[in-house]
Amino acid sequence: MTAGDEERLEQFLAAHRDTSMFLRSNARRAGLVYEGAAYQAVHVGAFQGDRLTGVAAHAWNGMMLFQAPDGPEAVATLARACAERSGRPVTGFAGPLAQVKAGRAALGLADAPAAMDGCEWLYAMDLAGIIVPASLQNGSIVCRPPLAGEHELLCEWRFDYEIETLGSPDSEETRQRSTAFLDRQIADGDVWVATDVAAGPAPVSLAAFNAALPDIVQLGGIYTPPALRGRGYAKAAVAHSLLVARERGASRAVLFTENPSAARSYEAVGFRRTGDYSLVLLR
């Protein structure tokens, strides 16, 4: 797939929007021509006549992304074709759990060492049903975009998130990558912090969108320092971000987690588990 296939790809992915956020947002941001720049990818599609039935994309960062609902053989064929066309090493996978397993096996990477190799629970909600925590309603917790003077603190939080949640190494490369990712989120207006009015103006929790489209957003990088957990701060930050998404015109939100405590916070604002998703980061 290349320039000219954007509309066809968007229509296909929009029909599977809960599990296509990375594919859709990257293609919208960078198009379908691959030149090695951030967010670009080599895309390979499966077709029945003129109808697109599946896609694999090998992204600039080495990740291979899938949306191929026709079964493991279809995924395997796409994975091999995409890897052959890109000619680059695969550093990880993302997509519906069964598809990631099939694609990984097809490339002979089923047993490859991984820094992150989990089955995450896919949560989704219609934004008409946001449950706003009492702390936001009564103003005891206030959420807002981050201030310039909070950048260093939030970069530390994003770095800690990468190590704790994604299993990234404690290295300068991780620090630089996590800072760059947070800076892109901030530049896009997709980051919010919660503050506890009784404790002062300093941030106590962070919520952000990993990807945002006109109709749907994906939350990610949600982080509260360990000493501040269990106080409802993340729940408030998440709810605020969802209210902003709704104001911007989105109608749905998704996220992934395998943390039971975090899942309870998400369920408290209206999320419900709808399936399984996999994010694999190879060593």
Protein backbone atom coordinates (compact mmCIF):
# COMPACT_ATOMS: atom_id res chain seq x y z
CA MET A 1 0.00 0.00 0.00
CA THR A 2 1.22 3.49 -0.80
CA ALA A 3 0.06 7.04 -1.56
CA GLY A 4 -3.48 6.94 -2.91
CA ASP A 5 -4.64 4.14 -0.60
CA GLU A 6 -5.24 6.39 2.41
CA GLU A 7 -9.03 6.55 2.14
CA ARG A 8 -9.35 2.80 1.61
CA LEU A 9 -7.13 2.13 4.64
CA GLU A 10 -9.00 4.61 6.83
CA GLN A 11 -12.38 3.09 5.99
CA PHE A 12 -11.15 -0.40 6.81
CA LEU A 13 -9.47 0.58 10.07
CA ALA A 14 -12.41 2.73 11.21
CA ALA A 15 -14.55 -0.41 11.11
CA HIS A 16 -12.18 -1.90 13.72
CA ARG A 17 -11.46 1.32 15.56
CA ASP A 18 -11.03 -0.02 19.09
CA THR A 19 -7.91 -1.99 18.09
CA SER A 20 -6.61 0.19 15.24
CA MET A 21 -5.60 3.39 17.01
CA PHE A 22 -1.86 3.23 16.32
CA LEU A 23 -2.39 2.27 12.68
CA ARG A 24 -4.96 4.99 12.07
CA SER A 25 -3.20 7.80 13.89
CA ASN A 26 0.21 7.04 12.37
CA ALA A 27 -1.21 6.90 8.84
CA ARG A 28 -3.09 10.16 9.35
CA ARG A 29 0.01 11.84 10.73
CA ALA A 30 2.62 10.51 8.30
CA GLY A 31 0.83 9.11 5.24
CA LEU A 32 1.66 5.83 3.51
CA VAL A 33 5.01 6.67 1.91
CA TYR A 34 7.91 5.26 3.94
CA GLU A 35 11.13 7.30 4.13
CA GLY A 36 12.22 6.42 7.66
CA ALA A 37 10.71 9.41 9.46
CA ALA A 38 8.81 9.21 12.74
CA TYR A 39 5.33 7.65 12.49
CA GLN A 40 5.94 6.38 8.95
CA ALA A 41 5.58 2.69 8.13
CA VAL A 42 5.69 0.16 5.34
CA HIS A 43 2.08 -0.98 4.86
CA VAL A 44 1.03 -4.25 3.26
CA GLY A 45 -2.64 -5.01 2.64
CA ALA A 46 -4.66 -8.15 1.94
CA PHE A 47 -7.48 -7.82 -0.57
CA GLN A 48 -10.52 -9.69 -1.79
CA GLY A 49 -11.06 -8.08 -5.16
CA ASP A 50 -10.95 -4.35 -4.42
CA ARG A 51 -11.93 -4.82 -0.77
CA LEU A 52 -9.20 -4.43 1.86
CA THR A 53 -9.48 -7.28 4.38
CA GLY A 54 -6.33 -6.90 6.49
CA VAL A 55 -3.20 -4.85 6.96
CA ALA A 56 0.23 -5.13 8.54
CA ALA A 57 2.52 -2.14 9.01
CA HIS A 58 6.22 -2.16 9.90
CA ALA A 59 6.77 1.19 11.59
CA TRP A 60 9.80 3.46 11.66
CA ASN A 61 10.68 2.24 15.18
CA GLY A 62 10.67 -1.45 14.21
CA MET A 63 7.23 -2.25 15.62
CA MET A 64 4.90 -4.36 13.47
CA LEU A 65 1.21 -3.52 13.81
CA PHE A 66 -1.70 -5.71 12.75
CA GLN A 67 -5.36 -5.39 11.87
CA ALA A 68 -6.20 -8.67 10.15
CA PRO A 69 -9.43 -10.19 11.46
CA ASP A 70 -9.65 -13.07 8.95
CA GLY A 71 -7.65 -15.53 11.06
CA PRO A 72 -4.08 -16.65 11.81
CA GLU A 73 -3.19 -17.69 8.26
CA ALA A 74 -4.10 -14.25 6.95
CA VAL A 75 -2.02 -12.62 9.67
CA ALA A 76 0.95 -14.88 8.95
CA THR A 77 0.87 -14.08 5.25
CA LEU A 78 0.72 -10.35 5.94
CA ALA A 79 3.51 -10.50 8.53
CA ARG A 80 5.91 -12.29 6.21
CA ALA A 81 5.09 -10.03 3.27
CA CYS A 82 5.50 -6.89 5.35
CA ALA A 83 8.83 -7.98 6.86
CA GLU A 84 10.14 -8.95 3.41
CA ARG A 85 9.11 -5.65 1.90
CA SER A 86 10.56 -3.50 4.69
CA GLY A 87 13.83 -5.43 5.00
CA ARG A 88 14.32 -4.13 8.55
CA PRO A 89 14.51 -5.91 11.91
CA VAL A 90 11.28 -6.26 13.87
CA THR A 91 11.59 -4.85 17.40
CA GLY A 92 8.09 -5.63 18.64
CA PHE A 93 4.43 -6.16 17.85
CA ALA A 94 1.10 -4.52 18.64
CA GLY A 95 -2.46 -5.55 17.87
CA PRO A 96 -5.24 -7.88 18.97
CA LEU A 97 -3.73 -10.70 21.03
CA ALA A 98 -4.47 -13.57 18.63
CA GLN A 99 -3.12 -11.59 15.68
CA VAL A 100 0.12 -10.71 17.45
CA LYS A 101 0.67 -14.36 18.38
CA ALA A 102 0.12 -15.47 14.78
CA GLY A 103 2.35 -12.77 13.29
CA ARG A 104 5.12 -13.32 15.77
CA ALA A 105 5.13 -17.06 15.11
CA ALA A 106 5.14 -16.53 11.34
CA LEU A 107 8.35 -14.51 11.64
CA GLY A 108 10.04 -17.08 13.87
CA LEU A 109 9.98 -14.75 16.88
CA ALA A 110 7.55 -16.62 19.13
CA ASP A 111 10.31 -17.46 21.61
CA ALA A 112 12.47 -14.37 21.10
CA PRO A 113 13.42 -12.66 24.40
CA ALA A 114 11.15 -9.75 25.21
CA ALA A 115 11.29 -6.87 27.66
CA MET A 116 7.49 -6.76 27.55
CA ASP A 117 5.36 -9.70 26.50
CA GLY A 118 1.94 -9.52 28.04
CA CYS A 119 -1.72 -9.91 27.36
CA GLU A 120 -3.33 -6.61 28.18
CA TRP A 121 -7.02 -6.13 28.78
CA LEU A 122 -8.70 -3.94 26.21
CA TYR A 123 -11.08 -1.43 27.78
CA ALA A 124 -13.47 0.80 25.85
CA MET A 125 -16.30 3.22 26.54
CA ASP A 126 -18.72 5.53 24.78
CA LEU A 127 -17.99 9.05 25.96
CA ALA A 128 -21.65 9.80 26.49
CA GLY A 129 -21.34 7.62 29.58
CA ILE A 130 -18.45 9.26 31.45
CA ILE A 131 -18.82 8.87 35.21
CA VAL A 132 -17.36 12.06 36.70
CA PRO A 133 -15.75 11.48 40.13
CA ALA A 134 -17.11 13.51 43.01
CA SER A 135 -13.64 15.02 43.54
CA LEU A 136 -13.87 16.69 40.12
CA GLN A 137 -17.45 17.77 40.65
CA ASN A 138 -16.78 19.40 44.01
CA GLY A 139 -13.48 20.94 42.94
CA SER A 140 -11.26 19.20 45.51
CA ILE A 141 -9.18 17.91 42.58
CA VAL A 142 -8.51 20.24 39.67
CA CYS A 143 -7.09 19.06 36.34
CA ARG A 144 -5.35 21.21 33.75
CA PRO A 145 -2.68 21.14 31.03
CA PRO A 146 0.88 21.06 32.39
CA LEU A 147 2.82 24.26 32.99
CA ALA A 148 6.24 24.87 31.42
CA GLY A 149 7.90 24.77 34.84
CA GLU A 150 6.58 21.23 35.41
CA HIS A 151 8.31 19.75 32.37
CA GLU A 152 11.25 18.24 34.25
CA LEU A 153 8.97 16.58 36.82
CA LEU A 154 6.68 15.12 34.17
CA CYS A 155 9.64 13.82 32.17
CA GLU A 156 10.76 11.96 35.30
CA TRP A 157 7.27 10.51 35.67
CA ARG A 158 7.21 9.40 32.03
CA PHE A 159 10.64 7.81 32.47
CA ASP A 160 9.45 5.98 35.59
CA TYR A 161 6.33 4.84 33.68
CA GLU A 162 8.48 3.39 30.89
CA ILE A 163 10.52 1.38 33.37
CA GLU A 164 7.64 0.26 35.62
CA THR A 165 4.95 -0.42 33.03
CA LEU A 166 6.77 -1.10 29.76
CA GLY A 167 9.80 -2.88 31.22
CA SER A 168 12.23 -0.50 29.52
CA PRO A 169 15.84 -0.46 30.73
CA ASP A 170 17.04 2.25 33.09
CA SER A 171 19.19 3.92 30.46
CA GLU A 172 19.86 7.26 28.82
CA GLU A 173 18.28 5.96 25.61
CA THR A 174 15.03 5.22 27.47
CA ARG A 175 15.14 8.66 29.08
CA GLN A 176 15.60 10.41 25.74
CA ARG A 177 12.87 8.36 24.05
CA SER A 178 10.37 8.86 26.86
CA THR A 179 11.04 12.60 26.97
CA ALA A 180 10.58 12.92 23.21
CA PHE A 181 7.31 10.99 23.40
CA LEU A 182 5.96 13.18 26.20
CA ASP A 183 7.03 16.33 24.36
CA ARG A 184 5.01 15.23 21.31
CA GLN A 185 1.96 14.59 23.50
CA ILE A 186 2.29 18.02 25.10
CA ALA A 187 2.75 19.71 21.72
CA ASP A 188 -0.46 18.03 20.51
CA GLY A 189 -2.37 19.28 23.57
CA ASP A 190 -2.93 15.73 24.79
CA VAL A 191 -1.53 15.86 28.35
CA TRP A 192 -3.24 16.81 31.63
CA VAL A 193 -2.22 16.82 35.28
CA ALA A 194 -4.36 16.51 38.38
CA THR A 195 -3.76 18.77 41.38
CA ASP A 196 -5.08 18.34 44.91
CA VAL A 197 -6.40 21.72 46.05
CA ALA A 198 -5.76 20.90 49.70
CA ALA A 199 -2.12 19.95 49.01
CA GLY A 200 -1.18 22.84 46.74
CA PRO A 201 -0.66 23.49 43.02
CA ALA A 202 1.90 20.76 42.30
CA PRO A 203 0.81 17.90 39.99
CA VAL A 204 -0.19 14.64 41.68
CA SER A 205 -1.09 12.53 38.64
CA LEU A 206 -0.68 12.50 34.87
CA ALA A 207 -3.05 11.44 32.07
CA ALA A 208 -2.46 11.60 28.34
CA PHE A 209 -3.57 10.35 24.94
CA ASN A 210 -1.20 8.03 23.13
CA ALA A 211 -3.29 8.61 20.03
CA ALA A 212 -6.19 10.91 19.23
CA LEU A 213 -8.51 10.86 16.23
CA PRO A 214 -11.65 12.91 15.57
CA ASP A 215 -13.91 10.04 16.68
CA ILE A 216 -11.85 8.14 19.25
CA VAL A 217 -8.93 8.58 21.66
CA GLN A 218 -6.55 6.11 23.25
CA LEU A 219 -5.31 6.84 26.74
CA GLY A 220 -1.77 5.95 27.72
CA GLY A 221 1.10 6.99 29.95
CA ILE A 222 -1.23 7.38 32.93
CA TYR A 223 1.00 7.73 35.98
CA THR A 224 0.79 8.57 39.67
CA PRO A 225 3.93 8.46 41.84
CA PRO A 226 3.82 5.47 44.22
CA ALA A 227 3.60 7.64 47.34
CA LEU A 228 0.44 9.33 46.01
CA ARG A 229 -1.48 6.28 44.81
CA GLY A 230 -4.80 5.12 46.22
CA ARG A 231 -6.24 8.62 46.57
CA GLY A 232 -8.31 8.81 43.38
CA TYR A 233 -5.92 11.13 41.58
CA ALA A 234 -5.52 9.00 38.44
CA LYS A 235 -9.28 8.46 38.26
CA ALA A 236 -9.83 12.21 38.26
CA ALA A 237 -7.11 12.86 35.69
CA VAL A 238 -8.52 10.19 33.37
CA ALA A 239 -12.09 11.47 33.72
CA HIS A 240 -10.96 15.02 32.94
CA SER A 241 -9.12 13.89 29.81
CA LEU A 242 -12.25 12.06 28.65
CA LEU A 243 -14.37 15.17 29.17
CA VAL A 244 -11.91 17.13 27.02
CA ALA A 245 -12.05 14.44 24.31
CA ARG A 246 -15.84 14.64 24.32
CA GLU A 247 -15.75 18.42 24.05
CA ARG A 248 -13.44 18.05 21.04
CA GLY A 249 -16.01 15.81 19.31
CA ALA A 250 -14.79 12.27 20.04
CA SER A 251 -17.42 9.67 20.90
CA ARG A 252 -15.31 6.76 22.16
CA ALA A 253 -12.16 6.00 24.15
CA VAL A 254 -9.97 2.94 24.59
CA LEU A 255 -7.01 1.92 26.73
CA PHE A 256 -5.01 -1.18 27.62
CA THR A 257 -3.94 -2.41 31.04
CA GLU A 258 -3.03 -5.58 32.90
CA ASN A 259 -3.01 -3.91 36.31
CA PRO A 260 -6.08 -4.85 38.41
CA SER A 261 -5.85 -1.72 40.55
CA ALA A 262 -5.66 0.53 37.50
CA ALA A 263 -8.52 -1.39 35.89
CA ARG A 264 -10.76 -0.63 38.86
CA SER A 265 -10.02 3.09 38.45
CA TYR A 266 -10.91 2.96 34.77
CA GLU A 267 -14.10 1.02 35.44
CA ALA A 268 -15.06 3.69 37.98
CA VAL A 269 -15.21 6.32 35.22
CA GLY A 270 -17.12 4.11 32.78
CA PHE A 271 -14.67 1.82 30.96
CA ARG A 272 -15.62 -1.81 30.39
CA ARG A 273 -13.42 -4.67 29.24
CA THR A 274 -14.13 -5.64 25.63
CA GLY A 275 -11.25 -7.96 24.66
CA ASP A 276 -7.51 -8.57 24.77
CA TYR A 277 -4.64 -6.63 23.22
CA SER A 278 -0.95 -7.42 23.01
CA LEU A 279 2.10 -5.19 23.08
CA VAL A 280 5.41 -7.05 22.66
CA LEU A 281 8.76 -5.26 22.98
CA LEU A 282 11.64 -7.51 21.98
CA ARG A 283 15.02 -7.19 23.65
